[in-house]
């Protein structure tokens, strides 16, 4: 029989509930700990609201075919909600603690400090902040080596990616343990330096601002820009990563396109970073030279291309756009 650690979430809001669904679905007991002092009636209202939302989410997953409707109740039953007065007792059973309170640094530090005193030094504590650097919080935690940031993308129970951002004092073994835990529940963890925006929000902010700017400039309607994203931008990057796509087409293509856009649109936001020029000087153009951002040496290029193209065809089928050829028959 597999032993699964109990998951504790500090905060019973949207992020805590999403994490609870992800772990309960994967067989873990989850304790959502309310961090705000409330009357008995106020807490009962919060508890009913949190568990009600989790039940609705499970019902949706059942309708989507991800679990049998008859099993939804058993999964929800793995989640409990506890008041702040029970924090110490609730954390005693935790194998890992996720902090998911609002993005207020003083509040997060207060909650993390209290929680770190309730668990042993071997228990991992992770913030889920989307904006605050990990070492702006780590000083509040006893035994900083067990602390890191684990940034989930909403909805946390559906999006596979989770960004792990260690602090200066984080023990590498802690990173490995968190990656293993996340992979065990079907997530895809990536590790990034402690930097504003992590990976996805930083790229996403640029793309969203540019889309809004194009509406502002009258380049296209909001509807057509979103259609372009769904069927062009997003379509390709669901199969090819951004850097992989640079290599696919060639870094030199990006260099010259960036230079043209920078000059024509009069904005340095299109300027290619130095790494693009450096790769060109070093002959790391991409797939056709065997190296770019990624290393393709020893790779069966034809098989690789075939695999990626097959994945794009599956995307066509997903969108209902894969059609048979038109054949003239006598």
C-alpha atoms as a PDB file:
ATOM      1  CA  UNK A   1       0.000   0.000   0.000  1.00  0.00           C
ATOM      2  CA  UNK A   2       1.346   3.414  -0.950  1.00  0.00           C
ATOM      3  CA  UNK A   3       1.790   5.957   1.831  1.00  0.00           C
ATOM      4  CA  UNK A   4       0.886   9.443   0.705  1.00  0.00           C
ATOM      5  CA  UNK A   5       1.837  12.472   2.755  1.00  0.00           C
ATOM      6  CA  UNK A   6      -0.808  14.749   4.212  1.00  0.00           C
ATOM      7  CA  UNK A   7      -0.851  18.147   2.499  1.00  0.00           C
ATOM      8  CA  UNK A   8      -1.477  21.302   4.519  1.00  0.00           C
ATOM      9  CA  UNK A   9      -2.518  24.561   2.861  1.00  0.00           C
ATOM     10  CA  UNK A  10      -2.336  27.828   4.775  1.00  0.00           C
ATOM     11  CA  UNK A  11      -5.344  29.731   3.497  1.00  0.00           C
ATOM     12  CA  UNK A  12      -8.657  28.357   2.260  1.00  0.00           C
ATOM     13  CA  UNK A  13      -9.063  30.667  -0.726  1.00  0.00           C
ATOM     14  CA  UNK A  14      -8.848  29.995  -4.452  1.00  0.00           C
ATOM     15  CA  UNK A  15      -5.251  28.784  -4.508  1.00  0.00           C
ATOM     16  CA  UNK A  16      -5.653  26.563  -1.460  1.00  0.00           C
ATOM     17  CA  UNK A  17      -8.791  25.018  -2.883  1.00  0.00           C
ATOM     18  CA  UNK A  18      -7.147  24.391  -6.249  1.00  0.00           C
ATOM     19  CA  UNK A  19      -4.162  22.706  -4.620  1.00  0.00           C
ATOM     20  CA  UNK A  20      -6.527  20.690  -2.438  1.00  0.00           C
ATOM     21  CA  UNK A  21      -8.330  19.360  -5.498  1.00  0.00           C
ATOM     22  CA  UNK A  22      -5.049  18.427  -7.204  1.00  0.00           C
ATOM     23  CA  UNK A  23      -3.727  16.481  -4.231  1.00  0.00           C
ATOM     24  CA  UNK A  24      -7.031  14.936  -3.101  1.00  0.00           C
ATOM     25  CA  UNK A  25      -7.598  13.705  -6.660  1.00  0.00           C
ATOM     26  CA  UNK A  26      -4.176  12.007  -6.444  1.00  0.00           C
ATOM     27  CA  UNK A  27      -5.039  10.261  -3.162  1.00  0.00           C
ATOM     28  CA  UNK A  28      -3.643  12.643  -0.534  1.00  0.00           C
ATOM     29  CA  UNK A  29      -5.406  13.867   2.578  1.00  0.00           C
ATOM     30  CA  UNK A  30      -5.487  17.673   2.505  1.00  0.00           C
ATOM     31  CA  UNK A  31      -6.015  20.118   5.363  1.00  0.00           C
ATOM     32  CA  UNK A  32      -7.039  23.661   4.451  1.00  0.00           C
ATOM     33  CA  UNK A  33      -6.182  25.925   7.373  1.00  0.00           C
ATOM     34  CA  UNK A  34      -8.034  29.198   7.662  1.00  0.00           C
ATOM     35  CA  UNK A  35      -5.518  31.827   8.786  1.00  0.00           C
ATOM     36  CA  UNK A  36      -8.029  34.476   9.812  1.00  0.00           C
ATOM     37  CA  UNK A  37      -9.680  34.630  13.247  1.00  0.00           C
ATOM     38  CA  UNK A  38     -13.446  34.220  12.841  1.00  0.00           C
ATOM     39  CA  UNK A  39     -16.481  33.520  14.950  1.00  0.00           C
ATOM     40  CA  UNK A  40     -17.865  29.982  14.948  1.00  0.00           C
ATOM     41  CA  UNK A  41     -20.598  30.975  12.512  1.00  0.00           C
ATOM     42  CA  UNK A  42     -18.185  32.823  10.218  1.00  0.00           C
ATOM     43  CA  UNK A  43     -15.871  29.821  10.081  1.00  0.00           C
ATOM     44  CA  UNK A  44     -18.791  27.487   9.370  1.00  0.00           C
ATOM     45  CA  UNK A  45     -19.730  29.699   6.427  1.00  0.00           C
ATOM     46  CA  UNK A  46     -16.162  29.636   5.071  1.00  0.00           C
ATOM     47  CA  UNK A  47     -15.913  25.855   5.518  1.00  0.00           C
ATOM     48  CA  UNK A  48     -19.194  25.281   3.679  1.00  0.00           C
ATOM     49  CA  UNK A  49     -18.129  27.621   0.888  1.00  0.00           C
ATOM     50  CA  UNK A  50     -14.695  25.967   0.441  1.00  0.00           C
ATOM     51  CA  UNK A  51     -15.997  22.405   0.471  1.00  0.00           C
ATOM     52  CA  UNK A  52     -18.928  23.411  -1.725  1.00  0.00           C
ATOM     53  CA  UNK A  53     -16.576  24.815  -4.352  1.00  0.00           C
ATOM     54  CA  UNK A  54     -14.433  21.671  -4.197  1.00  0.00           C
ATOM     55  CA  UNK A  55     -17.553  19.504  -4.667  1.00  0.00           C
ATOM     56  CA  UNK A  56     -18.538  21.573  -7.719  1.00  0.00           C
ATOM     57  CA  UNK A  57     -15.047  21.188  -9.145  1.00  0.00           C
ATOM     58  CA  UNK A  58     -15.148  17.419  -8.664  1.00  0.00           C
ATOM     59  CA  UNK A  59     -18.568  17.297 -10.293  1.00  0.00           C
ATOM     60  CA  UNK A  60     -17.120  19.155 -13.286  1.00  0.00           C
ATOM     61  CA  UNK A  61     -14.201  16.731 -13.496  1.00  0.00           C
ATOM     62  CA  UNK A  62     -16.700  13.870 -13.434  1.00  0.00           C
ATOM     63  CA  UNK A  63     -18.653  15.453 -16.310  1.00  0.00           C
ATOM     64  CA  UNK A  64     -15.376  15.807 -18.205  1.00  0.00           C
ATOM     65  CA  UNK A  65     -14.742  12.078 -17.742  1.00  0.00           C
ATOM     66  CA  UNK A  66     -11.752  12.421 -15.399  1.00  0.00           C
ATOM     67  CA  UNK A  67     -13.399  10.393 -12.638  1.00  0.00           C
ATOM     68  CA  UNK A  68     -16.595   8.471 -12.090  1.00  0.00           C
ATOM     69  CA  UNK A  69     -19.407  10.509 -10.563  1.00  0.00           C
ATOM     70  CA  UNK A  70     -19.776   7.900  -7.829  1.00  0.00           C
ATOM     71  CA  UNK A  71     -16.150   8.467  -6.759  1.00  0.00           C
ATOM     72  CA  UNK A  72     -16.326  12.266  -6.485  1.00  0.00           C
ATOM     73  CA  UNK A  73     -17.615  12.188  -2.900  1.00  0.00           C
ATOM     74  CA  UNK A  74     -14.762   9.965  -1.739  1.00  0.00           C
ATOM     75  CA  UNK A  75     -12.222  12.377  -3.183  1.00  0.00           C
ATOM     76  CA  UNK A  76     -13.894  15.404  -1.571  1.00  0.00           C
ATOM     77  CA  UNK A  77     -13.902  13.553   1.748  1.00  0.00           C
ATOM     78  CA  UNK A  78     -10.097  13.680   1.759  1.00  0.00           C
ATOM     79  CA  UNK A  79     -10.256  17.462   2.249  1.00  0.00           C
ATOM     80  CA  UNK A  80     -10.892  19.077   5.623  1.00  0.00           C
ATOM     81  CA  UNK A  81     -11.028  22.739   6.642  1.00  0.00           C
ATOM     82  CA  UNK A  82      -9.657  23.834  10.004  1.00  0.00           C
ATOM     83  CA  UNK A  83      -9.837  27.163  11.882  1.00  0.00           C
ATOM     84  CA  UNK A  84      -6.710  29.135  12.733  1.00  0.00           C
ATOM     85  CA  UNK A  85      -7.030  28.081  16.395  1.00  0.00           C
ATOM     86  CA  UNK A  86      -6.298  24.505  15.280  1.00  0.00           C
ATOM     87  CA  UNK A  87      -3.220  25.392  13.203  1.00  0.00           C
ATOM     88  CA  UNK A  88      -0.671  23.675  15.440  1.00  0.00           C
ATOM     89  CA  UNK A  89      -2.665  20.452  15.747  1.00  0.00           C
ATOM     90  CA  UNK A  90      -3.498  20.442  12.025  1.00  0.00           C
ATOM     91  CA  UNK A  91       0.103  20.952  10.961  1.00  0.00           C
ATOM     92  CA  UNK A  92       1.316  18.138  13.189  1.00  0.00           C
ATOM     93  CA  UNK A  93       0.213  15.622  10.551  1.00  0.00           C
ATOM     94  CA  UNK A  94       1.533  17.532   7.541  1.00  0.00           C
ATOM     95  CA  UNK A  95       4.206  16.159   5.245  1.00  0.00           C
ATOM     96  CA  UNK A  96       4.489  19.464   3.387  1.00  0.00           C
ATOM     97  CA  UNK A  97       2.971  22.915   3.903  1.00  0.00           C
ATOM     98  CA  UNK A  98       1.839  25.258   1.123  1.00  0.00           C
ATOM     99  CA  UNK A  99       1.178  28.918   1.957  1.00  0.00           C
ATOM    100  CA  UNK A 100      -1.550  30.439  -0.193  1.00  0.00           C
ATOM    101  CA  UNK A 101      -2.674  33.634   1.525  1.00  0.00           C
ATOM    102  CA  UNK A 102      -3.178  36.969  -0.311  1.00  0.00           C
ATOM    103  CA  UNK A 103      -0.189  38.711  -1.911  1.00  0.00           C
ATOM    104  CA  UNK A 104       0.606  40.899   1.086  1.00  0.00           C
ATOM    105  CA  UNK A 105       4.209  40.415   2.181  1.00  0.00           C
ATOM    106  CA  UNK A 106       3.650  41.151   5.879  1.00  0.00           C
ATOM    107  CA  UNK A 107       0.702  38.766   6.023  1.00  0.00           C
ATOM    108  CA  UNK A 108       2.651  36.026   4.304  1.00  0.00           C
ATOM    109  CA  UNK A 109       5.630  36.468   6.615  1.00  0.00           C
ATOM    110  CA  UNK A 110       3.365  36.373   9.661  1.00  0.00           C
ATOM    111  CA  UNK A 111       1.629  33.180   8.555  1.00  0.00           C
ATOM    112  CA  UNK A 112       4.865  31.492   7.482  1.00  0.00           C
ATOM    113  CA  UNK A 113       6.570  32.352  10.777  1.00  0.00           C
ATOM    114  CA  UNK A 114       3.691  30.895  12.780  1.00  0.00           C
ATOM    115  CA  UNK A 115       3.513  27.741  10.680  1.00  0.00           C
ATOM    116  CA  UNK A 116       7.263  27.098  10.752  1.00  0.00           C
ATOM    117  CA  UNK A 117       7.152  26.925  14.547  1.00  0.00           C
ATOM    118  CA  UNK A 118       4.455  24.230  14.408  1.00  0.00           C
ATOM    119  CA  UNK A 119       6.334  21.678  12.288  1.00  0.00           C
ATOM    120  CA  UNK A 120       9.673  19.941  12.545  1.00  0.00           C
ATOM    121  CA  UNK A 121      12.730  21.239  10.651  1.00  0.00           C
ATOM    122  CA  UNK A 122      12.465  18.443   8.084  1.00  0.00           C
ATOM    123  CA  UNK A 123       8.989  19.509   6.912  1.00  0.00           C
ATOM    124  CA  UNK A 124       9.077  21.458   3.652  1.00  0.00           C
ATOM    125  CA  UNK A 125       7.322  24.817   3.625  1.00  0.00           C
ATOM    126  CA  UNK A 126       6.491  26.418   0.290  1.00  0.00           C
ATOM    127  CA  UNK A 127       4.942  29.734  -0.623  1.00  0.00           C
ATOM    128  CA  UNK A 128       2.758  29.882  -3.721  1.00  0.00           C
ATOM    129  CA  UNK A 129       3.292  33.598  -4.312  1.00  0.00           C
ATOM    130  CA  UNK A 130       2.997  34.823  -7.872  1.00  0.00           C
ATOM    131  CA  UNK A 131       4.729  38.167  -7.282  1.00  0.00           C
ATOM    132  CA  UNK A 132       6.999  38.169  -4.213  1.00  0.00           C
ATOM    133  CA  UNK A 133      10.594  36.959  -4.399  1.00  0.00           C
ATOM    134  CA  UNK A 134      11.268  33.900  -2.289  1.00  0.00           C
ATOM    135  CA  UNK A 135      14.015  35.508  -0.192  1.00  0.00           C
ATOM    136  CA  UNK A 136      11.739  38.385   0.704  1.00  0.00           C
ATOM    137  CA  UNK A 137       9.807  35.741   2.624  1.00  0.00           C
ATOM    138  CA  UNK A 138      12.411  33.157   3.645  1.00  0.00           C
ATOM    139  CA  UNK A 139      13.652  35.174   6.625  1.00  0.00           C
ATOM    140  CA  UNK A 140      10.327  34.557   8.357  1.00  0.00           C
ATOM    141  CA  UNK A 141      10.807  30.784   8.261  1.00  0.00           C
ATOM    142  CA  UNK A 142      12.758  28.791  10.809  1.00  0.00           C
ATOM    143  CA  UNK A 143      15.295  26.570   8.977  1.00  0.00           C
ATOM    144  CA  UNK A 144      15.339  28.479   5.678  1.00  0.00           C
ATOM    145  CA  UNK A 145      16.921  25.508   3.915  1.00  0.00           C
ATOM    146  CA  UNK A 146      13.500  23.793   3.757  1.00  0.00           C
ATOM    147  CA  UNK A 147      11.735  26.806   2.231  1.00  0.00           C
ATOM    148  CA  UNK A 148      11.097  27.608  -1.443  1.00  0.00           C
ATOM    149  CA  UNK A 149       8.431  28.998  -3.735  1.00  0.00           C
ATOM    150  CA  UNK A 150       6.123  26.686  -5.645  1.00  0.00           C
ATOM    151  CA  UNK A 151       4.102  28.741  -8.127  1.00  0.00           C
ATOM    152  CA  UNK A 152       0.972  27.047  -9.467  1.00  0.00           C
ATOM    153  CA  UNK A 153      -0.908  28.344 -12.510  1.00  0.00           C
ATOM    154  CA  UNK A 154      -4.678  28.679 -12.212  1.00  0.00           C
ATOM    155  CA  UNK A 155      -6.684  26.553 -12.285  1.00  0.00           C
ATOM    156  CA  UNK A 156      -4.142  24.681 -10.178  1.00  0.00           C
ATOM    157  CA  UNK A 157      -5.939  21.357 -10.439  1.00  0.00           C
ATOM    158  CA  UNK A 158      -5.844  21.401 -14.263  1.00  0.00           C
ATOM    159  CA  UNK A 159      -2.714  23.221 -15.458  1.00  0.00           C
ATOM    160  CA  UNK A 160       0.208  20.754 -15.488  1.00  0.00           C
ATOM    161  CA  UNK A 161       3.015  23.278 -15.088  1.00  0.00           C
ATOM    162  CA  UNK A 162       4.300  24.269 -11.641  1.00  0.00           C
ATOM    163  CA  UNK A 163       7.245  26.684 -11.316  1.00  0.00           C
ATOM    164  CA  UNK A 164       9.700  25.985  -8.487  1.00  0.00           C
ATOM    165  CA  UNK A 165      11.832  28.916  -7.338  1.00  0.00           C
ATOM    166  CA  UNK A 166      14.392  28.098  -4.621  1.00  0.00           C
ATOM    167  CA  UNK A 167      15.849  30.689  -2.280  1.00  0.00           C
ATOM    168  CA  UNK A 168      19.533  31.338  -1.579  1.00  0.00           C
ATOM    169  CA  UNK A 169      19.464  28.904   1.342  1.00  0.00           C
ATOM    170  CA  UNK A 170      17.207  26.208  -0.131  1.00  0.00           C
ATOM    171  CA  UNK A 171      18.681  22.723   0.164  1.00  0.00           C
ATOM    172  CA  UNK A 172      18.889  21.068  -3.294  1.00  0.00           C
ATOM    173  CA  UNK A 173      17.439  17.907  -1.727  1.00  0.00           C
ATOM    174  CA  UNK A 174      14.303  19.883  -0.896  1.00  0.00           C
ATOM    175  CA  UNK A 175      13.932  20.906  -4.546  1.00  0.00           C
ATOM    176  CA  UNK A 176      14.268  17.268  -5.584  1.00  0.00           C
ATOM    177  CA  UNK A 177      11.657  16.142  -3.049  1.00  0.00           C
ATOM    178  CA  UNK A 178       9.160  18.765  -4.214  1.00  0.00           C
ATOM    179  CA  UNK A 179       9.715  17.843  -7.877  1.00  0.00           C
ATOM    180  CA  UNK A 180       9.131  14.179  -7.065  1.00  0.00           C
ATOM    181  CA  UNK A 181       5.949  14.979  -5.144  1.00  0.00           C
ATOM    182  CA  UNK A 182       4.561  17.146  -7.935  1.00  0.00           C
ATOM    183  CA  UNK A 183       5.403  14.576 -10.601  1.00  0.00           C
ATOM    184  CA  UNK A 184       3.644  11.921  -8.520  1.00  0.00           C
ATOM    185  CA  UNK A 185       0.352  13.816  -8.879  1.00  0.00           C
ATOM    186  CA  UNK A 186       0.776  14.371 -12.619  1.00  0.00           C
ATOM    187  CA  UNK A 187       2.304  17.849 -12.594  1.00  0.00           C
ATOM    188  CA  UNK A 188       5.218  19.055 -14.730  1.00  0.00           C
ATOM    189  CA  UNK A 189       7.617  21.023 -12.494  1.00  0.00           C
ATOM    190  CA  UNK A 190      10.294  23.395 -13.776  1.00  0.00           C
ATOM    191  CA  UNK A 191      12.973  25.149 -11.715  1.00  0.00           C
ATOM    192  CA  UNK A 192      13.754  28.827 -12.197  1.00  0.00           C
ATOM    193  CA  UNK A 193      15.877  31.415 -10.431  1.00  0.00           C
ATOM    194  CA  UNK A 194      14.296  33.768  -7.941  1.00  0.00           C
ATOM    195  CA  UNK A 195      13.386  36.533 -10.366  1.00  0.00           C
ATOM    196  CA  UNK A 196      10.302  38.728 -10.801  1.00  0.00           C
ATOM    197  CA  UNK A 197       7.700  37.029 -12.951  1.00  0.00           C
ATOM    198  CA  UNK A 198       9.282  33.573 -12.859  1.00  0.00           C
ATOM    199  CA  UNK A 199       8.955  32.050 -16.375  1.00  0.00           C
ATOM    200  CA  UNK A 200       5.353  31.997 -17.552  1.00  0.00           C
ATOM    201  CA  UNK A 201       4.078  35.279 -16.037  1.00  0.00           C
ATOM    202  CA  UNK A 202       7.120  37.134 -17.398  1.00  0.00           C
ATOM    203  CA  UNK A 203       6.557  35.907 -20.969  1.00  0.00           C
ATOM    204  CA  UNK A 204       2.797  36.148 -20.587  1.00  0.00           C
ATOM    205  CA  UNK A 205       2.924  39.815 -19.515  1.00  0.00           C
ATOM    206  CA  UNK A 206       4.812  40.764 -22.689  1.00  0.00           C
ATOM    207  CA  UNK A 207       2.407  38.867 -24.913  1.00  0.00           C
ATOM    208  CA  UNK A 208      -0.723  40.211 -23.220  1.00  0.00           C
ATOM    209  CA  UNK A 209       0.511  43.807 -23.306  1.00  0.00           C
ATOM    210  CA  UNK A 210       1.397  43.493 -26.994  1.00  0.00           C
ATOM    211  CA  UNK A 211      -2.046  42.061 -27.777  1.00  0.00           C
ATOM    212  CA  UNK A 212      -3.697  44.956 -25.911  1.00  0.00           C
ATOM    213  CA  UNK A 213      -1.411  47.425 -27.698  1.00  0.00           C
ATOM    214  CA  UNK A 214      -2.481  46.062 -31.091  1.00  0.00           C
ATOM    215  CA  UNK A 215      -6.126  46.629 -30.183  1.00  0.00           C
ATOM    216  CA  UNK A 216      -5.226  50.161 -29.080  1.00  0.00           C
ATOM    217  CA  UNK A 217      -3.413  50.809 -32.360  1.00  0.00           C
ATOM    218  CA  UNK A 218      -6.230  49.395 -34.464  1.00  0.00           C
ATOM    219  CA  UNK A 219      -4.084  46.607 -35.905  1.00  0.00           C
ATOM    220  CA  UNK A 220      -6.956  44.125 -35.639  1.00  0.00           C
ATOM    221  CA  UNK A 221     -10.096  43.484 -33.649  1.00  0.00           C
ATOM    222  CA  UNK A 222      -9.881  41.792 -30.274  1.00  0.00           C
ATOM    223  CA  UNK A 223     -11.730  38.828 -31.775  1.00  0.00           C
ATOM    224  CA  UNK A 224      -9.249  38.412 -34.640  1.00  0.00           C
ATOM    225  CA  UNK A 225      -6.224  38.840 -32.380  1.00  0.00           C
ATOM    226  CA  UNK A 226      -7.531  36.112 -30.074  1.00  0.00           C
ATOM    227  CA  UNK A 227      -8.252  33.910 -33.085  1.00  0.00           C
ATOM    228  CA  UNK A 228      -4.654  34.433 -34.219  1.00  0.00           C
ATOM    229  CA  UNK A 229      -3.419  33.413 -30.772  1.00  0.00           C
ATOM    230  CA  UNK A 230      -5.557  30.270 -30.601  1.00  0.00           C
ATOM    231  CA  UNK A 231      -4.867  29.004 -34.105  1.00  0.00           C
ATOM    232  CA  UNK A 232      -1.325  30.277 -34.665  1.00  0.00           C
ATOM    233  CA  UNK A 233       0.665  31.353 -31.628  1.00  0.00           C
ATOM    234  CA  UNK A 234      -0.846  28.995 -29.067  1.00  0.00           C
ATOM    235  CA  UNK A 235      -1.306  26.203 -31.591  1.00  0.00           C
ATOM    236  CA  UNK A 236       2.410  25.945 -32.320  1.00  0.00           C
ATOM    237  CA  UNK A 237       3.630  26.463 -28.765  1.00  0.00           C
ATOM    238  CA  UNK A 238       1.427  23.701 -27.420  1.00  0.00           C
ATOM    239  CA  UNK A 239       3.830  21.404 -29.316  1.00  0.00           C
ATOM    240  CA  UNK A 240       7.084  23.359 -29.706  1.00  0.00           C
ATOM    241  CA  UNK A 241       8.588  25.343 -26.839  1.00  0.00           C
ATOM    242  CA  UNK A 242       9.533  28.952 -27.573  1.00  0.00           C
ATOM    243  CA  UNK A 243      13.259  28.266 -27.625  1.00  0.00           C
ATOM    244  CA  UNK A 244      12.740  25.036 -29.525  1.00  0.00           C
ATOM    245  CA  UNK A 245      10.758  27.035 -32.084  1.00  0.00           C
ATOM    246  CA  UNK A 246      13.630  29.511 -32.459  1.00  0.00           C
ATOM    247  CA  UNK A 247      15.903  26.563 -33.213  1.00  0.00           C
ATOM    248  CA  UNK A 248      13.311  25.052 -35.568  1.00  0.00           C
ATOM    249  CA  UNK A 249      13.216  28.136 -37.766  1.00  0.00           C
ATOM    250  CA  UNK A 250      16.754  29.337 -37.028  1.00  0.00           C
ATOM    251  CA  UNK A 251      18.073  31.991 -34.652  1.00  0.00           C
ATOM    252  CA  UNK A 252      19.155  34.065 -37.635  1.00  0.00           C
ATOM    253  CA  UNK A 253      15.517  34.364 -38.700  1.00  0.00           C
ATOM    254  CA  UNK A 254      14.633  35.813 -35.313  1.00  0.00           C
ATOM    255  CA  UNK A 255      17.629  38.169 -35.431  1.00  0.00           C
ATOM    256  CA  UNK A 256      16.698  39.710 -38.778  1.00  0.00           C
ATOM    257  CA  UNK A 257      12.959  39.806 -38.005  1.00  0.00           C
ATOM    258  CA  UNK A 258      13.670  41.538 -34.687  1.00  0.00           C
ATOM    259  CA  UNK A 259      15.912  44.104 -36.335  1.00  0.00           C
ATOM    260  CA  UNK A 260      13.247  44.887 -38.939  1.00  0.00           C
ATOM    261  CA  UNK A 261      10.453  45.229 -36.356  1.00  0.00           C
ATOM    262  CA  UNK A 262      12.608  47.384 -34.079  1.00  0.00           C
ATOM    263  CA  UNK A 263      13.392  49.777 -36.916  1.00  0.00           C
ATOM    264  CA  UNK A 264       9.984  49.840 -38.573  1.00  0.00           C
ATOM    265  CA  UNK A 265       7.936  50.157 -35.384  1.00  0.00           C
ATOM    266  CA  UNK A 266      10.497  52.387 -33.699  1.00  0.00           C
ATOM    267  CA  UNK A 267      10.631  50.454 -30.441  1.00  0.00           C
ATOM    268  CA  UNK A 268      13.471  48.648 -28.718  1.00  0.00           C
ATOM    269  CA  UNK A 269      11.004  46.199 -27.191  1.00  0.00           C
ATOM    270  CA  UNK A 270      11.613  44.105 -30.337  1.00  0.00           C
ATOM    271  CA  UNK A 271      15.385  44.135 -30.013  1.00  0.00           C
ATOM    272  CA  UNK A 272      16.917  40.656 -29.957  1.00  0.00           C
ATOM    273  CA  UNK A 273      18.963  39.866 -26.834  1.00  0.00           C
ATOM    274  CA  UNK A 274      22.723  39.444 -27.121  1.00  0.00           C
ATOM    275  CA  UNK A 275      22.442  35.663 -26.832  1.00  0.00           C
ATOM    276  CA  UNK A 276      20.867  35.558 -30.317  1.00  0.00           C
ATOM    277  CA  UNK A 277      23.821  37.390 -31.880  1.00  0.00           C
ATOM    278  CA  UNK A 278      26.288  35.296 -29.892  1.00  0.00           C
ATOM    279  CA  UNK A 279      24.695  32.055 -31.041  1.00  0.00           C
ATOM    280  CA  UNK A 280      24.924  33.241 -34.632  1.00  0.00           C
ATOM    281  CA  UNK A 281      28.632  34.052 -34.247  1.00  0.00           C
ATOM    282  CA  UNK A 282      29.211  30.631 -32.712  1.00  0.00           C
ATOM    283  CA  UNK A 283      27.330  28.817 -35.460  1.00  0.00           C
ATOM    284  CA  UNK A 284      24.532  27.778 -33.117  1.00  0.00           C
ATOM    285  CA  UNK A 285      21.779  28.642 -35.554  1.00  0.00           C
ATOM    286  CA  UNK A 286      19.460  25.842 -34.504  1.00  0.00           C
ATOM    287  CA  UNK A 287      18.267  22.558 -35.884  1.00  0.00           C
ATOM    288  CA  UNK A 288      20.029  22.876 -39.227  1.00  0.00           C
ATOM    289  CA  UNK A 289      23.460  23.323 -37.576  1.00  0.00           C
ATOM    290  CA  UNK A 290      22.907  20.698 -34.887  1.00  0.00           C
ATOM    291  CA  UNK A 291      22.801  23.180 -32.013  1.00  0.00           C
ATOM    292  CA  UNK A 292      21.034  26.324 -30.925  1.00  0.00           C
ATOM    293  CA  UNK A 293      19.451  26.833 -27.542  1.00  0.00           C
ATOM    294  CA  UNK A 294      19.123  23.047 -27.490  1.00  0.00           C
ATOM    295  CA  UNK A 295      21.663  20.401 -28.514  1.00  0.00           C
ATOM    296  CA  UNK A 296      20.616  18.241 -31.465  1.00  0.00           C
ATOM    297  CA  UNK A 297      23.854  16.297 -31.879  1.00  0.00           C
ATOM    298  CA  UNK A 298      23.197  12.597 -32.377  1.00  0.00           C
ATOM    299  CA  UNK A 299      19.522  13.265 -32.964  1.00  0.00           C
ATOM    300  CA  UNK A 300      17.631  11.570 -35.778  1.00  0.00           C
ATOM    301  CA  UNK A 301      16.411  14.877 -37.217  1.00  0.00           C
ATOM    302  CA  UNK A 302      13.926  13.307 -39.639  1.00  0.00           C
ATOM    303  CA  UNK A 303      12.316  11.281 -36.843  1.00  0.00           C
ATOM    304  CA  UNK A 304      12.251  14.334 -34.581  1.00  0.00           C
ATOM    305  CA  UNK A 305      10.552  16.461 -37.237  1.00  0.00           C
ATOM    306  CA  UNK A 306       8.055  13.678 -37.924  1.00  0.00           C
ATOM    307  CA  UNK A 307       7.165  13.429 -34.236  1.00  0.00           C
ATOM    308  CA  UNK A 308       6.611  17.172 -33.886  1.00  0.00           C
ATOM    309  CA  UNK A 309       4.576  17.363 -37.092  1.00  0.00           C
ATOM    310  CA  UNK A 310       2.439  14.429 -35.942  1.00  0.00           C
ATOM    311  CA  UNK A 311       1.729  16.322 -32.712  1.00  0.00           C
ATOM    312  CA  UNK A 312       0.643  19.353 -34.742  1.00  0.00           C
ATOM    313  CA  UNK A 313      -1.704  17.131 -36.743  1.00  0.00           C
ATOM    314  CA  UNK A 314      -3.243  15.969 -33.456  1.00  0.00           C
ATOM    315  CA  UNK A 315      -3.784  19.624 -32.594  1.00  0.00           C
ATOM    316  CA  UNK A 316      -5.586  20.049 -35.928  1.00  0.00           C
ATOM    317  CA  UNK A 317      -7.832  17.147 -35.006  1.00  0.00           C
ATOM    318  CA  UNK A 318      -8.481  18.688 -31.594  1.00  0.00           C
ATOM    319  CA  UNK A 319      -9.711  21.895 -33.240  1.00  0.00           C
ATOM    320  CA  UNK A 320     -11.720  19.981 -35.838  1.00  0.00           C
ATOM    321  CA  UNK A 321      -9.551  21.349 -38.631  1.00  0.00           C
ATOM    322  CA  UNK A 322      -8.010  18.110 -39.953  1.00  0.00           C
ATOM    323  CA  UNK A 323      -9.728  17.536 -43.269  1.00  0.00           C
ATOM    324  CA  UNK A 324      -9.257  14.927 -45.963  1.00  0.00           C
ATOM    325  CA  UNK A 325      -7.794  16.054 -49.281  1.00  0.00           C
ATOM    326  CA  UNK A 326     -10.016  17.141 -52.126  1.00  0.00           C
ATOM    327  CA  UNK A 327      -9.597  14.587 -54.886  1.00  0.00           C
ATOM    328  CA  UNK A 328     -10.908  14.850 -58.416  1.00  0.00           C
ATOM    329  CA  UNK A 329     -12.433  11.525 -59.382  1.00  0.00           C
ATOM    330  CA  UNK A 330     -13.769  10.597 -62.802  1.00  0.00           C
END
